């Protein structure tokens, strides 16, 4: 999962991200896909990684092979 890659790229352990909002166990389960996460908790973790929500969503889409339908000079279809 992209979140784990971001955490490891920054040299952080699960324990480094553990706080009153997210336990080590919860973060581990989230990284493995064994637990869903609320927007608030994800936003909090991303702030601790110094990653914007926009960057995270972009990297997530990119890792899943999603491509943009918007081409240079073209309006997106709605």
PDB file of N, CA and C in Angstrom:
ATOM      1  N   UNK A   1       0.836  -1.185   0.000  1.00  0.00           N
ATOM      2  CA  UNK A   1       0.000   0.000   0.000  1.00  0.00           C
ATOM      3  C   UNK A   1       0.880   1.247   0.000  1.00  0.00           C
ATOM      4  N   UNK A   2       0.395   2.260  -0.637  1.00  0.00           N
ATOM      5  CA  UNK A   2       1.157   3.495  -0.812  1.00  0.00           C
ATOM      6  C   UNK A   2       1.501   4.161   0.517  1.00  0.00           C
ATOM      7  N   UNK A   3       0.624   4.067   1.485  1.00  0.00           N
ATOM      8  CA  UNK A   3       0.905   4.704   2.773  1.00  0.00           C
ATOM      9  C   UNK A   3       2.158   4.114   3.403  1.00  0.00           C
ATOM     10  N   UNK A   4       2.282   2.812   3.382  1.00  0.00           N
ATOM     11  CA  UNK A   4       3.458   2.152   3.962  1.00  0.00           C
ATOM     12  C   UNK A   4       4.733   2.591   3.235  1.00  0.00           C
ATOM     13  N   UNK A   5       4.656   2.669   1.907  1.00  0.00           N
ATOM     14  CA  UNK A   5       5.810   3.119   1.134  1.00  0.00           C
ATOM     15  C   UNK A   5       6.220   4.538   1.525  1.00  0.00           C
ATOM     16  N   UNK A   6       5.244   5.414   1.683  1.00  0.00           N
ATOM     17  CA  UNK A   6       5.537   6.790   2.090  1.00  0.00           C
ATOM     18  C   UNK A   6       6.192   6.824   3.469  1.00  0.00           C
ATOM     19  N   UNK A   7       5.663   6.019   4.384  1.00  0.00           N
ATOM     20  CA  UNK A   7       6.220   5.975   5.744  1.00  0.00           C
ATOM     21  C   UNK A   7       7.659   5.480   5.723  1.00  0.00           C
ATOM     22  N   UNK A   8       7.889   4.391   5.007  1.00  0.00           N
ATOM     23  CA  UNK A   8       9.234   3.815   4.950  1.00  0.00           C
ATOM     24  C   UNK A   8      10.209   4.734   4.219  1.00  0.00           C
ATOM     25  N   UNK A   9       9.739   5.397   3.152  1.00  0.00           N
ATOM     26  CA  UNK A   9      10.599   6.338   2.420  1.00  0.00           C
ATOM     27  C   UNK A   9      11.091   7.462   3.328  1.00  0.00           C
ATOM     28  N   UNK A  10      10.301   7.789   4.331  1.00  0.00           N
ATOM     29  CA  UNK A  10      10.668   8.859   5.257  1.00  0.00           C
ATOM     30  C   UNK A  10      11.431   8.332   6.478  1.00  0.00           C
ATOM     31  N   UNK A  11      11.697   7.028   6.466  1.00  0.00           N
ATOM     32  CA  UNK A  11      12.467   6.427   7.555  1.00  0.00           C
ATOM     33  C   UNK A  11      11.732   6.367   8.879  1.00  0.00           C
ATOM     34  N   UNK A  12      10.403   6.297   8.824  1.00  0.00           N
ATOM     35  CA  UNK A  12       9.595   6.281  10.044  1.00  0.00           C
ATOM     36  C   UNK A  12       9.082   4.876  10.336  1.00  0.00           C
ATOM     37  N   UNK A  13       9.035   4.543  11.600  1.00  0.00           N
ATOM     38  CA  UNK A  13       8.468   3.261  12.033  1.00  0.00           C
ATOM     39  C   UNK A  13       6.997   3.465  12.379  1.00  0.00           C
ATOM     40  N   UNK A  14       6.296   2.359  12.575  1.00  0.00           N
ATOM     41  CA  UNK A  14       4.907   2.448  13.035  1.00  0.00           C
ATOM     42  C   UNK A  14       4.854   3.196  14.364  1.00  0.00           C
ATOM     43  N   UNK A  15       5.812   2.916  15.217  1.00  0.00           N
ATOM     44  CA  UNK A  15       5.848   3.558  16.530  1.00  0.00           C
ATOM     45  C   UNK A  15       6.009   5.073  16.411  1.00  0.00           C
ATOM     46  N   UNK A  16       6.746   5.519  15.405  1.00  0.00           N
ATOM     47  CA  UNK A  16       6.938   6.960  15.205  1.00  0.00           C
ATOM     48  C   UNK A  16       5.615   7.677  14.930  1.00  0.00           C
ATOM     49  N   UNK A  17       4.664   6.986  14.323  1.00  0.00           N
ATOM     50  CA  UNK A  17       3.377   7.598  13.975  1.00  0.00           C
ATOM     51  C   UNK A  17       2.306   7.393  15.046  1.00  0.00           C
ATOM     52  N   UNK A  18       2.586   6.516  15.994  1.00  0.00           N
ATOM     53  CA  UNK A  18       1.622   6.209  17.044  1.00  0.00           C
ATOM     54  C   UNK A  18       1.386   7.429  17.936  1.00  0.00           C
ATOM     55  N   UNK A  19       0.120   7.687  18.224  1.00  0.00           N
ATOM     56  CA  UNK A  19      -0.240   8.785  19.122  1.00  0.00           C
ATOM     57  C   UNK A  19      -1.614   8.514  19.715  1.00  0.00           C
ATOM     58  N   UNK A  20      -2.224   9.540  20.289  1.00  0.00           N
ATOM     59  CA  UNK A  20      -3.523   9.364  20.939  1.00  0.00           C
ATOM     60  C   UNK A  20      -4.654   9.088  19.950  1.00  0.00           C
ATOM     61  N   UNK A  21      -4.431   9.365  18.676  1.00  0.00           N
ATOM     62  CA  UNK A  21      -5.470   9.147  17.662  1.00  0.00           C
ATOM     63  C   UNK A  21      -5.313   7.796  16.965  1.00  0.00           C
ATOM     64  N   UNK A  22      -4.076   7.405  16.678  1.00  0.00           N
ATOM     65  CA  UNK A  22      -3.806   6.178  15.932  1.00  0.00           C
ATOM     66  C   UNK A  22      -2.806   5.300  16.686  1.00  0.00           C
ATOM     67  N   UNK A  23      -3.240   4.103  17.045  1.00  0.00           N
ATOM     68  CA  UNK A  23      -2.347   3.162  17.724  1.00  0.00           C
ATOM     69  C   UNK A  23      -1.465   2.454  16.699  1.00  0.00           C
ATOM     70  N   UNK A  24      -0.395   1.860  17.192  1.00  0.00           N
ATOM     71  CA  UNK A  24       0.505   1.102  16.326  1.00  0.00           C
ATOM     72  C   UNK A  24      -0.255  -0.035  15.640  1.00  0.00           C
ATOM     73  N   UNK A  25      -1.083  -0.719  16.403  1.00  0.00           N
ATOM     74  CA  UNK A  25      -1.874  -1.830  15.879  1.00  0.00           C
ATOM     75  C   UNK A  25      -2.812  -1.366  14.763  1.00  0.00           C
ATOM     76  N   UNK A  26      -3.482  -0.235  14.988  1.00  0.00           N
ATOM     77  CA  UNK A  26      -4.407   0.275  13.985  1.00  0.00           C
ATOM     78  C   UNK A  26      -3.670   0.644  12.691  1.00  0.00           C
ATOM     79  N   UNK A  27      -2.532   1.343  12.815  1.00  0.00           N
ATOM     80  CA  UNK A  27      -1.776   1.753  11.634  1.00  0.00           C
ATOM     81  C   UNK A  27      -1.312   0.525  10.857  1.00  0.00           C
ATOM     82  N   UNK A  28      -0.843  -0.492  11.561  1.00  0.00           N
ATOM     83  CA  UNK A  28      -0.408  -1.730  10.924  1.00  0.00           C
ATOM     84  C   UNK A  28      -1.554  -2.381  10.149  1.00  0.00           C
ATOM     85  N   UNK A  29      -2.711  -2.466  10.778  1.00  0.00           N
ATOM     86  CA  UNK A  29      -3.879  -3.057  10.105  1.00  0.00           C
ATOM     87  C   UNK A  29      -4.283  -2.233   8.891  1.00  0.00           C
ATOM     88  N   UNK A  30      -4.241  -0.923   9.003  1.00  0.00           N
ATOM     89  CA  UNK A  30      -4.577  -0.047   7.882  1.00  0.00           C
ATOM     90  C   UNK A  30      -3.607  -0.274   6.716  1.00  0.00           C
ATOM     91  N   UNK A  31      -2.319  -0.337   7.026  1.00  0.00           N
ATOM     92  CA  UNK A  31      -1.323  -0.545   5.973  1.00  0.00           C
ATOM     93  C   UNK A  31      -1.512  -1.878   5.247  1.00  0.00           C
ATOM     94  N   UNK A  32      -1.968  -2.877   5.962  1.00  0.00           N
ATOM     95  CA  UNK A  32      -2.182  -4.198   5.364  1.00  0.00           C
ATOM     96  C   UNK A  32      -3.532  -4.315   4.656  1.00  0.00           C
ATOM     97  N   UNK A  33      -4.372  -3.292   4.823  1.00  0.00           N
ATOM     98  CA  UNK A  33      -5.701  -3.338   4.217  1.00  0.00           C
ATOM     99  C   UNK A  33      -6.702  -4.102   5.059  1.00  0.00           C
ATOM    100  N   UNK A  34      -6.340  -4.379   6.309  1.00  0.00           N
ATOM    101  CA  UNK A  34      -7.219  -5.125   7.204  1.00  0.00           C
ATOM    102  C   UNK A  34      -8.172  -4.235   7.993  1.00  0.00           C
ATOM    103  N   UNK A  35      -8.029  -2.922   7.832  1.00  0.00           N
ATOM    104  CA  UNK A  35      -8.882  -1.989   8.566  1.00  0.00           C
ATOM    105  C   UNK A  35      -9.154  -0.761   7.698  1.00  0.00           C
ATOM    106  N   UNK A  36     -10.369  -0.295   7.744  1.00  0.00           N
ATOM    107  CA  UNK A  36     -10.710   0.951   7.048  1.00  0.00           C
ATOM    108  C   UNK A  36     -10.329   2.111   7.952  1.00  0.00           C
ATOM    109  N   UNK A  37     -10.209   3.283   7.347  1.00  0.00           N
ATOM    110  CA  UNK A  37      -9.784   4.449   8.110  1.00  0.00           C
ATOM    111  C   UNK A  37     -10.724   5.610   7.827  1.00  0.00           C
ATOM    112  N   UNK A  38     -10.979   6.399   8.832  1.00  0.00           N
ATOM    113  CA  UNK A  38     -11.812   7.585   8.639  1.00  0.00           C
ATOM    114  C   UNK A  38     -10.979   8.676   7.973  1.00  0.00           C
ATOM    115  N   UNK A  39     -11.659   9.618   7.369  1.00  0.00           N
ATOM    116  CA  UNK A  39     -10.971  10.742   6.732  1.00  0.00           C
ATOM    117  C   UNK A  39     -10.111  11.481   7.745  1.00  0.00           C
ATOM    118  N   UNK A  40     -10.659  11.715   8.929  1.00  0.00           N
ATOM    119  CA  UNK A  40      -9.938  12.455   9.972  1.00  0.00           C
ATOM    120  C   UNK A  40      -8.640  11.750  10.359  1.00  0.00           C
ATOM    121  N   UNK A  41      -8.713  10.444  10.569  1.00  0.00           N
ATOM    122  CA  UNK A  41      -7.514   9.689  10.965  1.00  0.00           C
ATOM    123  C   UNK A  41      -6.477   9.681   9.848  1.00  0.00           C
ATOM    124  N   UNK A  42      -6.919   9.487   8.603  1.00  0.00           N
ATOM    125  CA  UNK A  42      -5.994   9.495   7.468  1.00  0.00           C
ATOM    126  C   UNK A  42      -5.345  10.861   7.325  1.00  0.00           C
ATOM    127  N   UNK A  43      -6.138  11.891   7.411  1.00  0.00           N
ATOM    128  CA  UNK A  43      -5.614  13.251   7.311  1.00  0.00           C
ATOM    129  C   UNK A  43      -4.551  13.492   8.392  1.00  0.00           C
ATOM    130  N   UNK A  44      -4.822  13.044   9.589  1.00  0.00           N
ATOM    131  CA  UNK A  44      -3.886  13.198  10.706  1.00  0.00           C
ATOM    132  C   UNK A  44      -2.568  12.465  10.426  1.00  0.00           C
ATOM    133  N   UNK A  45      -2.658  11.223   9.947  1.00  0.00           N
ATOM    134  CA  UNK A  45      -1.452  10.455   9.643  1.00  0.00           C
ATOM    135  C   UNK A  45      -0.651  11.108   8.517  1.00  0.00           C
ATOM    136  N   UNK A  46      -1.339  11.581   7.495  1.00  0.00           N
ATOM    137  CA  UNK A  46      -0.645  12.226   6.379  1.00  0.00           C
ATOM    138  C   UNK A  46       0.064  13.499   6.833  1.00  0.00           C
ATOM    139  N   UNK A  47      -0.556  14.243   7.729  1.00  0.00           N
ATOM    140  CA  UNK A  47       0.104  15.434   8.278  1.00  0.00           C
ATOM    141  C   UNK A  47       1.393  15.044   8.989  1.00  0.00           C
ATOM    142  N   UNK A  48       1.357  13.946   9.707  1.00  0.00           N
ATOM    143  CA  UNK A  48       2.560  13.477  10.416  1.00  0.00           C
ATOM    144  C   UNK A  48       3.648  13.038   9.449  1.00  0.00           C
ATOM    145  N   UNK A  49       3.241  12.604   8.245  1.00  0.00           N
ATOM    146  CA  UNK A  49       4.207  12.224   7.211  1.00  0.00           C
ATOM    147  C   UNK A  49       4.632  13.421   6.358  1.00  0.00           C
ATOM    148  N   UNK A  50       3.980  14.556   6.578  1.00  0.00           N
ATOM    149  CA  UNK A  50       4.207  15.754   5.765  1.00  0.00           C
ATOM    150  C   UNK A  50       3.845  15.507   4.299  1.00  0.00           C
ATOM    151  N   UNK A  51       2.684  14.879   4.096  1.00  0.00           N
ATOM    152  CA  UNK A  51       2.167  14.581   2.758  1.00  0.00           C
ATOM    153  C   UNK A  51       0.764  15.166   2.677  1.00  0.00           C
ATOM    154  N   UNK A  52       0.483  15.908   1.631  1.00  0.00           N
ATOM    155  CA  UNK A  52      -0.860  16.476   1.473  1.00  0.00           C
ATOM    156  C   UNK A  52      -1.828  15.386   1.025  1.00  0.00           C
ATOM    157  N   UNK A  53      -3.098  15.604   1.276  1.00  0.00           N
ATOM    158  CA  UNK A  53      -4.124  14.663   0.838  1.00  0.00           C
ATOM    159  C   UNK A  53      -4.094  14.539  -0.687  1.00  0.00           C
ATOM    160  N   UNK A  54      -3.891  15.663  -1.362  1.00  0.00           N
ATOM    161  CA  UNK A  54      -3.850  15.663  -2.821  1.00  0.00           C
ATOM    162  C   UNK A  54      -2.703  14.799  -3.332  1.00  0.00           C
ATOM    163  N   UNK A  55      -1.527  14.948  -2.715  1.00  0.00           N
ATOM    164  CA  UNK A  55      -0.374  14.143  -3.114  1.00  0.00           C
ATOM    165  C   UNK A  55      -0.639  12.663  -2.867  1.00  0.00           C
ATOM    166  N   UNK A  56      -1.207  12.350  -1.713  1.00  0.00           N
ATOM    167  CA  UNK A  56      -1.516  10.959  -1.389  1.00  0.00           C
ATOM    168  C   UNK A  56      -2.486  10.362  -2.410  1.00  0.00           C
ATOM    169  N   UNK A  57      -3.551  11.085  -2.724  1.00  0.00           N
ATOM    170  CA  UNK A  57      -4.538  10.573  -3.678  1.00  0.00           C
ATOM    171  C   UNK A  57      -3.942  10.416  -5.068  1.00  0.00           C
ATOM    172  N   UNK A  58      -3.083  11.348  -5.463  1.00  0.00           N
ATOM    173  CA  UNK A  58      -2.412  11.252  -6.756  1.00  0.00           C
ATOM    174  C   UNK A  58      -1.527  10.002  -6.799  1.00  0.00           C
ATOM    175  N   UNK A  59      -0.699   9.811  -5.775  1.00  0.00           N
ATOM    176  CA  UNK A  59       0.196   8.654  -5.739  1.00  0.00           C
ATOM    177  C   UNK A  59      -0.573   7.347  -5.676  1.00  0.00           C
ATOM    178  N   UNK A  60      -1.678   7.359  -4.954  1.00  0.00           N
ATOM    179  CA  UNK A  60      -2.531   6.166  -4.853  1.00  0.00           C
ATOM    180  C   UNK A  60      -3.118   5.801  -6.220  1.00  0.00           C
ATOM    181  N   UNK A  61      -3.639   6.796  -6.928  1.00  0.00           N
ATOM    182  CA  UNK A  61      -4.199   6.563  -8.258  1.00  0.00           C
ATOM    183  C   UNK A  61      -3.108   6.093  -9.220  1.00  0.00           C
ATOM    184  N   UNK A  62      -1.947   6.718  -9.132  1.00  0.00           N
ATOM    185  CA  UNK A  62      -0.828   6.357  -9.997  1.00  0.00           C
ATOM    186  C   UNK A  62      -0.391   4.920  -9.741  1.00  0.00           C
ATOM    187  N   UNK A  63      -0.352   4.514  -8.478  1.00  0.00           N
ATOM    188  CA  UNK A  63       0.078   3.157  -8.138  1.00  0.00           C
ATOM    189  C   UNK A  63      -0.936   2.113  -8.594  1.00  0.00           C
ATOM    190  N   UNK A  64      -2.170   2.526  -8.744  1.00  0.00           N
ATOM    191  CA  UNK A  64      -3.221   1.610  -9.207  1.00  0.00           C
ATOM    192  C   UNK A  64      -3.343   1.605 -10.723  1.00  0.00           C
ATOM    193  N   UNK A  65      -2.500   2.393 -11.391  1.00  0.00           N
ATOM    194  CA  UNK A  65      -2.506   2.416 -12.845  1.00  0.00           C
ATOM    195  C   UNK A  65      -3.585   3.291 -13.444  1.00  0.00           C
ATOM    196  N   UNK A  66      -4.175   4.149 -12.624  1.00  0.00           N
ATOM    197  CA  UNK A  66      -5.201   5.051 -13.140  1.00  0.00           C
ATOM    198  C   UNK A  66      -4.545   6.110 -13.992  1.00  0.00           C
ATOM    199  N   UNK A  67      -5.160   6.412 -15.101  1.00  0.00           N
ATOM    200  CA  UNK A  67      -4.632   7.467 -15.955  1.00  0.00           C
ATOM    201  C   UNK A  67      -5.660   8.578 -16.056  1.00  0.00           C
ATOM    202  N   UNK A  68      -5.165   9.752 -16.240  1.00  0.00           N
ATOM    203  CA  UNK A  68      -6.046  10.907 -16.332  1.00  0.00           C
ATOM    204  C   UNK A  68      -6.710  10.953 -17.697  1.00  0.00           C
ATOM    205  N   UNK A  69      -7.977  11.289 -17.715  1.00  0.00           N
ATOM    206  CA  UNK A  69      -8.697  11.464 -18.972  1.00  0.00           C
ATOM    207  C   UNK A  69      -8.538  12.866 -19.510  1.00  0.00           C
ATOM    208  N   UNK A  70      -7.904  13.722 -18.741  1.00  0.00           N
ATOM    209  CA  UNK A  70      -7.731  15.103 -19.148  1.00  0.00           C
ATOM    210  C   UNK A  70      -6.426  15.226 -19.915  1.00  0.00           C
ATOM    211  N   UNK A  71      -6.521  15.685 -21.148  1.00  0.00           N
ATOM    212  CA  UNK A  71      -5.337  15.877 -21.974  1.00  0.00           C
ATOM    213  C   UNK A  71      -5.065  17.362 -22.101  1.00  0.00           C
ATOM    214  N   UNK A  72      -3.847  17.700 -22.363  1.00  0.00           N
ATOM    215  CA  UNK A  72      -3.475  19.107 -22.497  1.00  0.00           C
ATOM    216  C   UNK A  72      -4.350  19.792 -23.546  1.00  0.00           C
ATOM    217  N   UNK A  73      -4.929  20.898 -23.151  1.00  0.00           N
ATOM    218  CA  UNK A  73      -5.748  21.682 -24.067  1.00  0.00           C
ATOM    219  C   UNK A  73      -7.161  21.183 -24.244  1.00  0.00           C
ATOM    220  N   UNK A  74      -7.543  20.122 -23.584  1.00  0.00           N
ATOM    221  CA  UNK A  74      -8.887  19.561 -23.733  1.00  0.00           C
ATOM    222  C   UNK A  74      -9.654  19.731 -22.428  1.00  0.00           C
ATOM    223  N   UNK A  75     -10.933  19.988 -22.571  1.00  0.00           N
ATOM    224  CA  UNK A  75     -11.785  20.078 -21.390  1.00  0.00           C
ATOM    225  C   UNK A  75     -12.206  18.675 -20.989  1.00  0.00           C
ATOM    226  N   UNK A  76     -12.262  18.405 -19.696  1.00  0.00           N
ATOM    227  CA  UNK A  76     -12.739  17.092 -19.261  1.00  0.00           C
ATOM    228  C   UNK A  76     -14.228  16.949 -19.539  1.00  0.00           C
ATOM    229  N   UNK A  77     -14.648  15.771 -19.927  1.00  0.00           N
ATOM    230  CA  UNK A  77     -16.091  15.548 -20.133  1.00  0.00           C
ATOM    231  C   UNK A  77     -16.729  15.260 -18.801  1.00  0.00           C
ATOM    232  N   UNK A  78     -17.915  15.781 -18.615  1.00  0.00           N
ATOM    233  CA  UNK A  78     -18.611  15.601 -17.343  1.00  0.00           C
ATOM    234  C   UNK A  78     -19.638  14.523 -17.441  1.00  0.00           C
TER     235      UNK A  78
END
